[in-house]
Amino acid sequence: MLLLALDTATPAVTVALHDGRDAVAHSTVVDARRHGELLLPAVDRVLTRAGAVVGDLTGIVVGVGPGPYTGLRVGLVTAASLGDALGVPVHGLCTLDGLAYAARDGGLTGPFTVATDARRKEVYWARYDDAGARVTGPAVDRPADIAAQVAGVPAVGAGAALYPEVFPDVRPPAHQDAAALAALAAGKLARGEEFPPALPLYLRRPDAQVPAGYKQVLPK
């Protein structure tokens, strides 16, 4: 097994290779404005570090969000294109689940919340139980509107750090790491579990819409 994992649903452009036991190479750069510029060089970098080539890949794992449209689509289109070209499966995973896995792997115990920055004074968030299983979300909300739902538990993610009045106990990690996403996927594959489709979780309607009352300018 050699899984390529990547995620561009947050400001982190993150890529990793996993051999079914451990991450053998990974790269993470936090830059919210250069997902398209940074992703493929990161893929090439981790392959080189691992002494592998794209033809060695047996599958691809991609974070499906939630996340902003522009960044999220970079990872999803890249994963779909590579999967199609190589003839290997593409597995989708919720980006928040990757952060949750990393938090649990880092020693966080008990229930907790994961929150990433959704901009517009909102967060993408989900709540997890003692075992690290998602029990609420993913959703997008203003932090004040979910204060009661996330009260009393630690929070993970850069989105939580932006609103200390709602998330007073913020724990690492702040950003997504594809190594955690890959480890989560490798475990699911070993157990024969199903994956969600590799389709984007935007959770918002698009900003661009067809005007309701535009005038006809072509002759009838």
Protein backbone atom coordinates (compact mmCIF):
# COMPACT_ATOMS: atom_id res chain seq x y z
CA MET A 1 0.00 0.00 0.00
CA LEU A 2 1.16 3.51 -0.79
CA LEU A 3 -1.46 6.17 -0.17
CA LEU A 4 -1.08 9.77 -1.26
CA ALA A 5 -3.07 12.05 1.05
CA LEU A 6 -3.69 15.74 0.39
CA ASP A 7 -5.90 18.49 1.75
CA THR A 8 -6.39 22.12 0.70
CA ALA A 9 -9.64 22.85 2.56
CA THR A 10 -7.88 25.10 5.09
CA PRO A 11 -4.95 27.54 4.80
CA ALA A 12 -2.65 24.50 5.11
CA VAL A 13 -1.48 22.97 1.83
CA THR A 14 -0.62 19.52 3.15
CA VAL A 15 0.51 16.29 1.47
CA ALA A 16 1.67 12.94 2.84
CA LEU A 17 2.55 9.40 1.78
CA HIS A 18 1.50 6.44 3.92
CA ASP A 19 2.62 2.83 3.45
CA GLY A 20 -0.15 1.27 5.52
CA ARG A 21 1.88 1.40 8.73
CA ASP A 22 3.33 4.89 8.96
CA ALA A 23 3.64 8.16 7.09
CA VAL A 24 6.86 7.87 5.12
CA ALA A 25 6.98 11.51 4.01
CA HIS A 26 4.87 14.62 4.46
CA SER A 27 4.86 18.33 3.74
CA THR A 28 2.70 21.15 5.11
CA VAL A 29 2.83 24.82 4.16
CA VAL A 30 0.35 27.30 5.63
CA ASP A 31 -0.56 29.81 2.92
CA ALA A 32 -4.23 30.59 2.28
CA ARG A 33 -3.60 32.29 -1.07
CA ARG A 34 -1.38 29.83 -2.97
CA HIS A 35 -3.04 26.41 -2.87
CA GLY A 36 -2.84 25.96 -6.63
CA GLU A 37 0.78 27.08 -6.77
CA LEU A 38 2.00 24.95 -3.87
CA LEU A 39 0.12 21.66 -4.11
CA LEU A 40 1.78 19.84 -7.01
CA PRO A 41 5.32 20.81 -5.95
CA ALA A 42 4.45 19.40 -2.51
CA VAL A 43 3.30 16.14 -4.11
CA ASP A 44 6.57 15.91 -6.02
CA ARG A 45 8.52 16.74 -2.85
CA VAL A 46 7.02 13.96 -0.72
CA LEU A 47 7.42 11.41 -3.52
CA THR A 48 11.09 12.34 -3.84
CA ARG A 49 11.65 12.14 -0.09
CA ALA A 50 10.11 8.67 -0.03
CA GLY A 51 12.03 7.49 -3.09
CA ALA A 52 8.77 6.81 -4.90
CA VAL A 53 7.10 7.77 -8.17
CA VAL A 54 3.45 8.38 -8.96
CA GLY A 55 3.17 4.92 -10.52
CA ASP A 56 3.79 3.39 -7.08
CA LEU A 57 0.58 4.87 -5.65
CA THR A 58 -2.21 2.44 -4.79
CA GLY A 59 -4.75 5.05 -3.74
CA ILE A 60 -5.37 8.72 -3.05
CA VAL A 61 -7.00 10.31 -0.01
CA VAL A 62 -8.35 13.85 -0.19
CA GLY A 63 -9.88 16.16 2.39
CA VAL A 64 -13.37 17.09 1.19
CA GLY A 65 -13.82 20.00 3.57
CA PRO A 66 -15.77 21.80 4.72
CA GLY A 67 -13.80 24.70 3.39
CA PRO A 68 -13.88 27.77 1.14
CA TYR A 69 -14.60 27.04 -2.51
CA THR A 70 -11.38 28.34 -4.05
CA GLY A 71 -8.96 26.40 -1.87
CA LEU A 72 -11.02 23.25 -1.50
CA ARG A 73 -11.47 22.67 -5.23
CA VAL A 74 -7.69 22.67 -5.81
CA GLY A 75 -7.19 19.52 -3.77
CA LEU A 76 -10.29 17.77 -5.04
CA VAL A 77 -9.56 18.41 -8.72
CA THR A 78 -5.95 17.35 -8.27
CA ALA A 79 -6.95 14.14 -6.49
CA ALA A 80 -9.57 13.29 -9.10
CA SER A 81 -7.16 13.98 -11.96
CA LEU A 82 -4.38 11.85 -10.47
CA GLY A 83 -6.78 9.04 -9.63
CA ASP A 84 -8.14 8.99 -13.16
CA ALA A 85 -4.71 9.14 -14.79
CA LEU A 86 -3.26 6.40 -12.59
CA GLY A 87 -6.36 4.22 -12.40
CA VAL A 88 -6.35 4.16 -8.60
CA PRO A 89 -9.24 4.82 -6.18
CA VAL A 90 -9.80 8.27 -4.67
CA HIS A 91 -11.12 8.28 -1.11
CA GLY A 92 -12.77 11.33 0.45
CA LEU A 93 -12.51 12.19 4.15
CA CYS A 94 -13.92 15.07 6.15
CA THR A 95 -11.16 17.58 6.83
CA LEU A 96 -12.37 18.08 10.39
CA ASP A 97 -12.04 14.32 11.00
CA GLY A 98 -8.37 14.56 10.06
CA LEU A 99 -7.81 17.28 12.64
CA ALA A 100 -9.73 15.23 15.21
CA TYR A 101 -7.58 12.17 14.49
CA ALA A 102 -4.41 14.20 14.93
CA ALA A 103 -5.69 15.63 18.22
CA ARG A 104 -6.50 12.18 19.61
CA ASP A 105 -3.18 10.81 18.37
CA GLY A 106 -1.48 13.69 20.17
CA GLY A 107 -3.03 12.67 23.49
CA LEU A 108 -6.27 14.62 23.71
CA THR A 109 -8.85 12.68 25.71
CA GLY A 110 -12.57 13.11 26.33
CA PRO A 111 -15.07 14.90 24.09
CA PHE A 112 -13.88 17.90 22.11
CA THR A 113 -14.72 20.24 19.24
CA VAL A 114 -12.86 20.94 16.00
CA ALA A 115 -13.27 24.37 14.41
CA THR A 116 -11.67 25.87 11.30
CA ASP A 117 -11.98 29.40 9.99
CA ALA A 118 -14.95 29.80 7.64
CA ARG A 119 -14.38 33.56 7.27
CA ARG A 120 -17.34 35.97 7.48
CA LYS A 121 -17.03 35.69 11.28
CA GLU A 122 -18.08 32.02 11.12
CA VAL A 123 -16.45 28.65 11.75
CA TYR A 124 -16.74 25.22 10.22
CA TRP A 125 -17.11 22.91 13.18
CA ALA A 126 -17.94 19.45 14.46
CA ARG A 127 -18.09 17.83 17.88
CA TYR A 128 -16.45 14.49 18.77
CA ASP A 129 -17.08 12.00 21.57
CA ASP A 130 -14.71 10.25 23.98
CA ALA A 131 -13.65 7.80 21.26
CA GLY A 132 -12.97 10.54 18.71
CA ALA A 133 -16.08 9.75 16.65
CA ARG A 134 -17.94 12.68 15.13
CA VAL A 135 -21.35 13.16 16.79
CA THR A 136 -22.34 16.63 15.55
CA GLY A 137 -21.63 18.35 12.24
CA PRO A 138 -19.95 19.29 10.10
CA ALA A 139 -21.72 22.64 10.07
CA VAL A 140 -21.00 26.32 9.53
CA ASP A 141 -22.16 28.84 12.15
CA ARG A 142 -21.29 32.00 13.98
CA PRO A 143 -19.40 31.01 17.13
CA ALA A 144 -21.82 32.82 19.44
CA ASP A 145 -24.68 30.74 18.03
CA ILE A 146 -23.07 27.45 19.04
CA ALA A 147 -21.60 28.53 22.38
CA ALA A 148 -23.92 26.26 24.36
CA GLN A 149 -23.13 23.25 22.16
CA VAL A 150 -19.36 23.54 22.52
CA ALA A 151 -19.19 24.75 26.13
CA GLY A 152 -17.10 22.82 28.61
CA VAL A 153 -14.92 20.88 26.17
CA PRO A 154 -11.54 21.63 24.58
CA ALA A 155 -11.39 22.83 20.99
CA VAL A 156 -8.92 22.08 18.20
CA GLY A 157 -8.14 24.13 15.11
CA ALA A 158 -7.19 27.62 14.01
CA GLY A 159 -10.85 28.63 13.80
CA ALA A 160 -11.31 28.04 17.51
CA ALA A 161 -8.30 30.20 18.33
CA LEU A 162 -9.98 33.18 16.65
CA TYR A 163 -12.86 33.20 19.17
CA PRO A 164 -11.50 32.68 22.70
CA GLU A 165 -14.74 33.94 24.21
CA VAL A 166 -16.48 30.81 22.85
CA PHE A 167 -13.50 28.42 22.75
CA PRO A 168 -11.44 29.28 25.86
CA ASP A 169 -9.54 25.96 25.91
CA VAL A 170 -7.80 25.56 22.54
CA ARG A 171 -5.50 22.59 22.01
CA PRO A 172 -3.20 21.57 19.13
CA PRO A 173 -3.11 21.00 16.27
CA ALA A 174 -3.98 24.34 14.73
CA HIS A 175 -3.74 23.17 11.13
CA GLN A 176 -4.46 20.08 9.09
CA ASP A 177 -1.65 17.57 8.53
CA ALA A 178 -2.12 15.10 5.69
CA ALA A 179 -0.13 12.52 7.65
CA ALA A 180 -3.04 12.27 10.09
CA LEU A 181 -5.56 12.15 7.24
CA ALA A 182 -3.57 9.32 5.64
CA ALA A 183 -3.35 7.37 8.89
CA LEU A 184 -7.10 7.71 9.37
CA ALA A 185 -7.69 6.44 5.83
CA ALA A 186 -5.25 3.55 6.21
CA GLY A 187 -7.12 2.39 9.31
CA LYS A 188 -10.47 2.58 7.54
CA LEU A 189 -9.11 0.60 4.59
CA ALA A 190 -7.69 -2.08 6.89
CA ARG A 191 -11.09 -2.45 8.58
CA GLY A 192 -12.93 -2.52 5.27
CA GLU A 193 -14.95 0.60 6.08
CA GLU A 194 -16.60 2.77 3.47
CA PHE A 195 -15.54 6.30 2.64
CA PRO A 196 -17.70 9.32 1.86
CA PRO A 197 -17.60 10.35 -1.81
CA ALA A 198 -14.75 12.59 -2.87
CA LEU A 199 -17.11 15.53 -3.35
CA PRO A 200 -16.79 18.99 -1.78
CA LEU A 201 -18.46 19.91 1.49
CA TYR A 202 -19.02 23.62 0.91
CA LEU A 203 -21.93 24.03 3.40
CA ARG A 204 -22.73 27.40 1.84
CA ARG A 205 -24.53 28.54 -1.27
CA PRO A 206 -22.17 30.04 -3.88
CA ASP A 207 -21.69 33.81 -3.79
CA ALA A 208 -22.07 34.10 -7.58
CA GLN A 209 -25.67 33.68 -8.73
CA VAL A 210 -27.62 34.40 -11.90
CA PRO A 211 -29.39 37.77 -11.55
CA ALA A 212 -33.12 37.42 -11.03
CA GLY A 213 -34.27 40.23 -13.33
CA TYR A 214 -31.64 40.77 -16.01
CA LYS A 215 -32.71 42.21 -19.35
CA GLN A 216 -32.72 40.26 -22.60
CA VAL A 217 -30.16 41.86 -24.95
CA LEU A 218 -30.31 39.48 -27.92
CA PRO A 219 -32.97 39.94 -30.62
CA LYS A 220 -35.86 37.52 -30.47
